[in-house]
């Protein structure tokens, strides 16, 4: 199965995408049993996978691509909590607790996700101790990420500080050449604003300001950090 050049891997048993993340890192017997209950599917860009407030029908495991996890206030303001990468499980907290999905999940590019129904995944976790441990670790990491969002937005002194922190975190794994860092950042100004907790206009203004001060700039989908120390100074590092 393909979509926009994305090859859907049907079986977990011989998957070349397997990593050390969550269900990918289970013992062979657990992987074999998991393969019997999951259903692979390919989603196009901008597809809504889970909706905040809906009753949980199951989990999705992100195999390929990236998705954004967001929450929306009553007045329509959206905050992106984080960007999910391959190997992550989506909707796990709601499935385990029985409460509604806490976040909306939308694809940022063509993605492969494996779906497992709620009853199947709960039974699987009960029968496989290694999977239960990974589930606990995954939920703990989600909690830690949420704490990070609170610290970033609630304790930052200014929007420019939050934006500088976002740029530094994004560029952490970028290519460095003569002190300049380059990394791919396939996000719109609107998406960046929702991740930082501000308006699109503010992000556009800050990008112009940072470029004018030779600190950082965004060329197409490439983020270029010209002066990392200046950004670190903004966030107090």
C-alpha atoms as a PDB file:
ATOM      1  CA  UNK A   1       0.000   0.000   0.000  1.00  0.00           C
ATOM      2  CA  UNK A   2       1.425   3.409  -0.943  1.00  0.00           C
ATOM      3  CA  UNK A   3       0.398   7.046  -0.633  1.00  0.00           C
ATOM      4  CA  UNK A   4       2.532  10.010  -1.710  1.00  0.00           C
ATOM      5  CA  UNK A   5       5.557   7.709  -1.883  1.00  0.00           C
ATOM      6  CA  UNK A   6       4.912   6.228   1.564  1.00  0.00           C
ATOM      7  CA  UNK A   7       5.196   2.435   1.656  1.00  0.00           C
ATOM      8  CA  UNK A   8       2.896   0.910   4.250  1.00  0.00           C
ATOM      9  CA  UNK A   9       4.539  -1.900   6.237  1.00  0.00           C
ATOM     10  CA  UNK A  10       1.809  -4.447   6.931  1.00  0.00           C
ATOM     11  CA  UNK A  11       3.566  -6.772   9.391  1.00  0.00           C
ATOM     12  CA  UNK A  12       5.387  -5.942  12.634  1.00  0.00           C
ATOM     13  CA  UNK A  13       7.300  -9.239  12.420  1.00  0.00           C
ATOM     14  CA  UNK A  14       9.581  -8.210   9.553  1.00  0.00           C
ATOM     15  CA  UNK A  15       9.242  -4.419   9.783  1.00  0.00           C
ATOM     16  CA  UNK A  16      12.376  -2.531   8.727  1.00  0.00           C
ATOM     17  CA  UNK A  17      11.140   0.549  10.621  1.00  0.00           C
ATOM     18  CA  UNK A  18      11.355  -1.072  14.048  1.00  0.00           C
ATOM     19  CA  UNK A  19      13.182   1.014  16.641  1.00  0.00           C
ATOM     20  CA  UNK A  20      13.669   0.972  20.409  1.00  0.00           C
ATOM     21  CA  UNK A  21      10.378   2.778  20.883  1.00  0.00           C
ATOM     22  CA  UNK A  22       7.478   1.310  22.858  1.00  0.00           C
ATOM     23  CA  UNK A  23       5.906  -1.705  21.105  1.00  0.00           C
ATOM     24  CA  UNK A  24       8.751  -1.887  18.624  1.00  0.00           C
ATOM     25  CA  UNK A  25      11.054  -2.985  21.447  1.00  0.00           C
ATOM     26  CA  UNK A  26       9.016  -5.909  22.783  1.00  0.00           C
ATOM     27  CA  UNK A  27      10.157  -9.530  22.996  1.00  0.00           C
ATOM     28  CA  UNK A  28       9.442 -11.665  19.892  1.00  0.00           C
ATOM     29  CA  UNK A  29       6.419 -13.462  21.370  1.00  0.00           C
ATOM     30  CA  UNK A  30       4.805 -10.154  22.328  1.00  0.00           C
ATOM     31  CA  UNK A  31       5.483  -8.696  18.890  1.00  0.00           C
ATOM     32  CA  UNK A  32       3.861 -11.739  17.286  1.00  0.00           C
ATOM     33  CA  UNK A  33       0.742 -11.394  19.459  1.00  0.00           C
ATOM     34  CA  UNK A  34       0.586  -7.646  18.871  1.00  0.00           C
ATOM     35  CA  UNK A  35       0.788  -8.209  15.126  1.00  0.00           C
ATOM     36  CA  UNK A  36      -2.449 -10.217  15.331  1.00  0.00           C
ATOM     37  CA  UNK A  37      -4.498  -7.368  16.823  1.00  0.00           C
ATOM     38  CA  UNK A  38      -3.185  -4.273  15.018  1.00  0.00           C
ATOM     39  CA  UNK A  39      -4.479  -2.868  11.716  1.00  0.00           C
ATOM     40  CA  UNK A  40      -2.126  -0.869   9.490  1.00  0.00           C
ATOM     41  CA  UNK A  41      -3.363   2.182   7.597  1.00  0.00           C
ATOM     42  CA  UNK A  42      -1.904   5.122   5.678  1.00  0.00           C
ATOM     43  CA  UNK A  43      -3.274   8.630   6.293  1.00  0.00           C
ATOM     44  CA  UNK A  44      -2.783  11.665   4.035  1.00  0.00           C
ATOM     45  CA  UNK A  45      -1.399  14.992   5.202  1.00  0.00           C
ATOM     46  CA  UNK A  46      -3.741  17.051   7.442  1.00  0.00           C
ATOM     47  CA  UNK A  47      -5.887  14.029   8.340  1.00  0.00           C
ATOM     48  CA  UNK A  48      -7.476  14.139  11.798  1.00  0.00           C
ATOM     49  CA  UNK A  49      -6.721  10.845  13.553  1.00  0.00           C
ATOM     50  CA  UNK A  50      -8.100  11.479  17.052  1.00  0.00           C
ATOM     51  CA  UNK A  51     -10.433  14.215  18.295  1.00  0.00           C
ATOM     52  CA  UNK A  52     -10.223  15.843  21.711  1.00  0.00           C
ATOM     53  CA  UNK A  53     -13.245  14.993  23.857  1.00  0.00           C
ATOM     54  CA  UNK A  54     -14.323  11.853  21.991  1.00  0.00           C
ATOM     55  CA  UNK A  55     -14.686   8.509  23.777  1.00  0.00           C
ATOM     56  CA  UNK A  56     -11.642   6.276  23.249  1.00  0.00           C
ATOM     57  CA  UNK A  57     -12.039   3.552  20.643  1.00  0.00           C
ATOM     58  CA  UNK A  58      -8.392   2.470  20.724  1.00  0.00           C
ATOM     59  CA  UNK A  59      -4.794   3.585  20.249  1.00  0.00           C
ATOM     60  CA  UNK A  60      -2.738   4.496  17.197  1.00  0.00           C
ATOM     61  CA  UNK A  61       0.972   3.769  16.915  1.00  0.00           C
ATOM     62  CA  UNK A  62       2.829   6.157  14.621  1.00  0.00           C
ATOM     63  CA  UNK A  63       5.074   4.094  12.348  1.00  0.00           C
ATOM     64  CA  UNK A  64       6.025   6.666   9.700  1.00  0.00           C
ATOM     65  CA  UNK A  65       5.592  10.436   9.447  1.00  0.00           C
ATOM     66  CA  UNK A  66       4.867  13.126  12.038  1.00  0.00           C
ATOM     67  CA  UNK A  67       1.680  14.267  13.762  1.00  0.00           C
ATOM     68  CA  UNK A  68       0.805  17.260  15.913  1.00  0.00           C
ATOM     69  CA  UNK A  69      -1.021  16.880  19.222  1.00  0.00           C
ATOM     70  CA  UNK A  70      -3.135  19.884  20.128  1.00  0.00           C
ATOM     71  CA  UNK A  71      -5.841  21.168  22.439  1.00  0.00           C
ATOM     72  CA  UNK A  72      -8.370  23.912  21.669  1.00  0.00           C
ATOM     73  CA  UNK A  73     -10.083  26.337  24.046  1.00  0.00           C
ATOM     74  CA  UNK A  74     -13.758  27.287  23.887  1.00  0.00           C
ATOM     75  CA  UNK A  75     -12.906  30.519  22.087  1.00  0.00           C
ATOM     76  CA  UNK A  76     -11.068  28.572  19.370  1.00  0.00           C
ATOM     77  CA  UNK A  77      -7.469  29.184  20.450  1.00  0.00           C
ATOM     78  CA  UNK A  78      -5.280  26.177  19.653  1.00  0.00           C
ATOM     79  CA  UNK A  79      -2.131  25.100  21.496  1.00  0.00           C
ATOM     80  CA  UNK A  80       0.115  22.393  20.036  1.00  0.00           C
ATOM     81  CA  UNK A  81       1.353  20.371  22.999  1.00  0.00           C
ATOM     82  CA  UNK A  82       4.015  18.509  21.037  1.00  0.00           C
ATOM     83  CA  UNK A  83       4.987  16.904  17.752  1.00  0.00           C
ATOM     84  CA  UNK A  84       4.843  13.087  17.716  1.00  0.00           C
ATOM     85  CA  UNK A  85       7.584  11.103  15.989  1.00  0.00           C
ATOM     86  CA  UNK A  86       7.649   7.476  14.730  1.00  0.00           C
ATOM     87  CA  UNK A  87       7.361   4.887  17.493  1.00  0.00           C
ATOM     88  CA  UNK A  88       4.998   6.943  19.647  1.00  0.00           C
ATOM     89  CA  UNK A  89       1.595   5.751  20.849  1.00  0.00           C
ATOM     90  CA  UNK A  90      -1.372   8.103  20.505  1.00  0.00           C
ATOM     91  CA  UNK A  91      -4.466   7.950  22.704  1.00  0.00           C
ATOM     92  CA  UNK A  92      -2.967   5.623  25.317  1.00  0.00           C
ATOM     93  CA  UNK A  93      -3.943   7.671  28.376  1.00  0.00           C
ATOM     94  CA  UNK A  94      -7.620   7.794  27.386  1.00  0.00           C
ATOM     95  CA  UNK A  95      -7.712   4.072  26.611  1.00  0.00           C
ATOM     96  CA  UNK A  96      -6.160   3.139  29.967  1.00  0.00           C
ATOM     97  CA  UNK A  97      -8.286   5.508  32.082  1.00  0.00           C
ATOM     98  CA  UNK A  98     -11.504   5.208  30.088  1.00  0.00           C
ATOM     99  CA  UNK A  99     -11.796   8.993  29.845  1.00  0.00           C
ATOM    100  CA  UNK A 100     -12.146  10.998  26.601  1.00  0.00           C
ATOM    101  CA  UNK A 101      -9.207  11.702  24.328  1.00  0.00           C
ATOM    102  CA  UNK A 102      -7.358  14.675  25.811  1.00  0.00           C
ATOM    103  CA  UNK A 103      -5.805  15.904  22.570  1.00  0.00           C
ATOM    104  CA  UNK A 104      -6.575  16.149  18.877  1.00  0.00           C
ATOM    105  CA  UNK A 105      -4.078  14.363  16.624  1.00  0.00           C
ATOM    106  CA  UNK A 106      -3.547  15.574  13.049  1.00  0.00           C
ATOM    107  CA  UNK A 107      -0.997  14.347  10.514  1.00  0.00           C
ATOM    108  CA  UNK A 108       1.611  16.837   9.303  1.00  0.00           C
ATOM    109  CA  UNK A 109       2.578  14.688   6.320  1.00  0.00           C
ATOM    110  CA  UNK A 110       1.527  11.295   4.911  1.00  0.00           C
ATOM    111  CA  UNK A 111       1.727   8.847   7.827  1.00  0.00           C
ATOM    112  CA  UNK A 112       1.401   5.153   8.573  1.00  0.00           C
ATOM    113  CA  UNK A 113      -0.397   4.403  11.824  1.00  0.00           C
ATOM    114  CA  UNK A 114      -1.253   1.033  13.345  1.00  0.00           C
ATOM    115  CA  UNK A 115      -4.638   0.952  15.083  1.00  0.00           C
ATOM    116  CA  UNK A 116      -5.550  -1.369  17.979  1.00  0.00           C
ATOM    117  CA  UNK A 117      -9.054  -1.407  19.478  1.00  0.00           C
ATOM    118  CA  UNK A 118      -9.496  -0.556  23.163  1.00  0.00           C
ATOM    119  CA  UNK A 119     -10.498  -4.016  24.378  1.00  0.00           C
ATOM    120  CA  UNK A 120      -7.720  -5.680  22.396  1.00  0.00           C
ATOM    121  CA  UNK A 121      -4.993  -3.382  23.709  1.00  0.00           C
ATOM    122  CA  UNK A 122      -6.179  -3.627  27.329  1.00  0.00           C
ATOM    123  CA  UNK A 123      -6.163  -7.423  27.106  1.00  0.00           C
ATOM    124  CA  UNK A 124      -2.733  -7.338  25.429  1.00  0.00           C
ATOM    125  CA  UNK A 125      -1.281  -5.166  28.207  1.00  0.00           C
ATOM    126  CA  UNK A 126      -2.752  -7.488  30.846  1.00  0.00           C
ATOM    127  CA  UNK A 127      -1.200 -10.560  29.252  1.00  0.00           C
ATOM    128  CA  UNK A 128       2.243  -9.123  28.406  1.00  0.00           C
ATOM    129  CA  UNK A 129       4.328  -7.700  31.240  1.00  0.00           C
ATOM    130  CA  UNK A 130       6.925  -6.159  28.922  1.00  0.00           C
ATOM    131  CA  UNK A 131       4.210  -4.242  27.067  1.00  0.00           C
ATOM    132  CA  UNK A 132       2.721  -3.021  30.358  1.00  0.00           C
ATOM    133  CA  UNK A 133       6.131  -1.719  31.443  1.00  0.00           C
ATOM    134  CA  UNK A 134       6.598   0.105  28.139  1.00  0.00           C
ATOM    135  CA  UNK A 135       3.099   1.553  28.441  1.00  0.00           C
ATOM    136  CA  UNK A 136       3.909   2.881  31.907  1.00  0.00           C
ATOM    137  CA  UNK A 137       7.146   4.422  30.658  1.00  0.00           C
ATOM    138  CA  UNK A 138       5.318   5.991  27.717  1.00  0.00           C
ATOM    139  CA  UNK A 139       2.668   7.558  29.973  1.00  0.00           C
ATOM    140  CA  UNK A 140       5.389   8.850  32.316  1.00  0.00           C
ATOM    141  CA  UNK A 141       7.186  10.482  29.402  1.00  0.00           C
ATOM    142  CA  UNK A 142       3.939  12.082  28.205  1.00  0.00           C
ATOM    143  CA  UNK A 143       3.495  13.498  31.706  1.00  0.00           C
ATOM    144  CA  UNK A 144       7.042  14.832  31.700  1.00  0.00           C
ATOM    145  CA  UNK A 145       6.454  16.479  28.311  1.00  0.00           C
ATOM    146  CA  UNK A 146       3.317  18.143  29.683  1.00  0.00           C
ATOM    147  CA  UNK A 147       5.338  19.511  32.616  1.00  0.00           C
ATOM    148  CA  UNK A 148       7.788  20.919  30.084  1.00  0.00           C
ATOM    149  CA  UNK A 149       5.012  22.741  28.230  1.00  0.00           C
ATOM    150  CA  UNK A 150       3.772  24.262  31.497  1.00  0.00           C
ATOM    151  CA  UNK A 151       7.276  25.416  32.421  1.00  0.00           C
ATOM    152  CA  UNK A 152       7.934  26.849  28.960  1.00  0.00           C
ATOM    153  CA  UNK A 153       4.695  28.792  28.638  1.00  0.00           C
ATOM    154  CA  UNK A 154       3.899  29.508  32.269  1.00  0.00           C
ATOM    155  CA  UNK A 155       7.360  30.478  33.520  1.00  0.00           C
ATOM    156  CA  UNK A 156       8.882  32.203  30.481  1.00  0.00           C
ATOM    157  CA  UNK A 157       9.185  35.958  30.878  1.00  0.00           C
ATOM    158  CA  UNK A 158       8.420  36.759  27.249  1.00  0.00           C
ATOM    159  CA  UNK A 159       7.265  35.305  23.928  1.00  0.00           C
ATOM    160  CA  UNK A 160      10.709  35.950  22.450  1.00  0.00           C
ATOM    161  CA  UNK A 161      12.200  33.739  25.192  1.00  0.00           C
ATOM    162  CA  UNK A 162       9.766  30.912  24.392  1.00  0.00           C
ATOM    163  CA  UNK A 163      10.438  31.276  20.678  1.00  0.00           C
ATOM    164  CA  UNK A 164      14.209  31.278  21.183  1.00  0.00           C
ATOM    165  CA  UNK A 165      13.891  28.128  23.306  1.00  0.00           C
ATOM    166  CA  UNK A 166      11.822  26.473  20.547  1.00  0.00           C
ATOM    167  CA  UNK A 167      14.473  27.343  17.933  1.00  0.00           C
ATOM    168  CA  UNK A 168      17.286  25.961  20.102  1.00  0.00           C
ATOM    169  CA  UNK A 169      15.419  22.712  20.785  1.00  0.00           C
ATOM    170  CA  UNK A 170      14.572  22.320  17.087  1.00  0.00           C
ATOM    171  CA  UNK A 171      18.179  22.894  16.042  1.00  0.00           C
ATOM    172  CA  UNK A 172      19.637  20.506  18.644  1.00  0.00           C
ATOM    173  CA  UNK A 173      20.219  17.764  16.046  1.00  0.00           C
ATOM    174  CA  UNK A 174      20.994  20.054  13.122  1.00  0.00           C
ATOM    175  CA  UNK A 175      24.070  20.094  10.904  1.00  0.00           C
ATOM    176  CA  UNK A 176      26.784  22.470  12.123  1.00  0.00           C
ATOM    177  CA  UNK A 177      29.146  24.218   9.741  1.00  0.00           C
ATOM    178  CA  UNK A 178      31.393  27.127  10.745  1.00  0.00           C
ATOM    179  CA  UNK A 179      29.193  27.857  13.734  1.00  0.00           C
ATOM    180  CA  UNK A 180      25.983  27.926  11.680  1.00  0.00           C
ATOM    181  CA  UNK A 181      23.303  25.299  12.358  1.00  0.00           C
ATOM    182  CA  UNK A 182      20.878  24.098   9.687  1.00  0.00           C
ATOM    183  CA  UNK A 183      17.916  21.807  10.276  1.00  0.00           C
ATOM    184  CA  UNK A 184      14.684  20.994   8.453  1.00  0.00           C
ATOM    185  CA  UNK A 185      11.608  22.618   9.987  1.00  0.00           C
ATOM    186  CA  UNK A 186       8.508  21.700   7.989  1.00  0.00           C
ATOM    187  CA  UNK A 187       6.068  23.852   9.972  1.00  0.00           C
ATOM    188  CA  UNK A 188       4.015  26.908   9.052  1.00  0.00           C
ATOM    189  CA  UNK A 189       4.140  30.145  11.039  1.00  0.00           C
ATOM    190  CA  UNK A 190       0.661  29.253  12.321  1.00  0.00           C
ATOM    191  CA  UNK A 191       1.818  25.857  13.610  1.00  0.00           C
ATOM    192  CA  UNK A 192       4.883  27.385  15.250  1.00  0.00           C
ATOM    193  CA  UNK A 193       2.684  29.988  16.960  1.00  0.00           C
ATOM    194  CA  UNK A 194       0.401  27.243  18.298  1.00  0.00           C
ATOM    195  CA  UNK A 195       3.422  25.357  19.631  1.00  0.00           C
ATOM    196  CA  UNK A 196       4.931  28.446  21.276  1.00  0.00           C
ATOM    197  CA  UNK A 197       1.600  29.771  22.570  1.00  0.00           C
ATOM    198  CA  UNK A 198       1.286  33.055  20.704  1.00  0.00           C
ATOM    199  CA  UNK A 199      -0.125  34.488  17.455  1.00  0.00           C
ATOM    200  CA  UNK A 200       1.041  33.888  13.895  1.00  0.00           C
ATOM    201  CA  UNK A 201       1.703  37.624  13.510  1.00  0.00           C
ATOM    202  CA  UNK A 202       4.022  37.560  16.523  1.00  0.00           C
ATOM    203  CA  UNK A 203       6.031  34.659  15.087  1.00  0.00           C
ATOM    204  CA  UNK A 204       6.379  36.472  11.764  1.00  0.00           C
ATOM    205  CA  UNK A 205       7.543  39.611  13.595  1.00  0.00           C
ATOM    206  CA  UNK A 206      10.045  37.684  15.737  1.00  0.00           C
ATOM    207  CA  UNK A 207      11.466  35.880  12.706  1.00  0.00           C
ATOM    208  CA  UNK A 208      12.041  39.237  11.018  1.00  0.00           C
ATOM    209  CA  UNK A 209      13.657  40.589  14.179  1.00  0.00           C
ATOM    210  CA  UNK A 210      15.905  37.550  14.646  1.00  0.00           C
ATOM    211  CA  UNK A 211      16.934  37.663  10.994  1.00  0.00           C
ATOM    212  CA  UNK A 212      17.678  41.396  11.211  1.00  0.00           C
ATOM    213  CA  UNK A 213      19.841  40.769  14.291  1.00  0.00           C
ATOM    214  CA  UNK A 214      21.642  37.882  12.530  1.00  0.00           C
ATOM    215  CA  UNK A 215      20.485  35.334  15.117  1.00  0.00           C
ATOM    216  CA  UNK A 216      18.261  32.993  13.095  1.00  0.00           C
ATOM    217  CA  UNK A 217      16.128  32.788   9.972  1.00  0.00           C
ATOM    218  CA  UNK A 218      13.743  30.448   8.203  1.00  0.00           C
ATOM    219  CA  UNK A 219      14.367  29.840   4.501  1.00  0.00           C
ATOM    220  CA  UNK A 220      11.564  27.693   3.141  1.00  0.00           C
ATOM    221  CA  UNK A 221      11.602  24.598   5.347  1.00  0.00           C
ATOM    222  CA  UNK A 222      15.193  25.140   6.544  1.00  0.00           C
ATOM    223  CA  UNK A 223      15.875  26.727   9.919  1.00  0.00           C
ATOM    224  CA  UNK A 224      19.272  28.456  10.069  1.00  0.00           C
ATOM    225  CA  UNK A 225      20.771  29.404  13.431  1.00  0.00           C
ATOM    226  CA  UNK A 226      23.474  32.033  12.899  1.00  0.00           C
ATOM    227  CA  UNK A 227      24.138  32.955  16.525  1.00  0.00           C
ATOM    228  CA  UNK A 228      23.346  30.203  19.020  1.00  0.00           C
ATOM    229  CA  UNK A 229      24.915  32.076  21.992  1.00  0.00           C
ATOM    230  CA  UNK A 230      22.579  35.035  21.389  1.00  0.00           C
ATOM    231  CA  UNK A 231      19.537  32.735  21.482  1.00  0.00           C
ATOM    232  CA  UNK A 232      20.876  30.999  24.586  1.00  0.00           C
ATOM    233  CA  UNK A 233      21.266  34.379  26.229  1.00  0.00           C
ATOM    234  CA  UNK A 234      17.580  35.100  25.579  1.00  0.00           C
ATOM    235  CA  UNK A 235      16.528  31.971  27.467  1.00  0.00           C
ATOM    236  CA  UNK A 236      19.100  32.439  30.228  1.00  0.00           C
ATOM    237  CA  UNK A 237      21.360  29.515  29.335  1.00  0.00           C
END
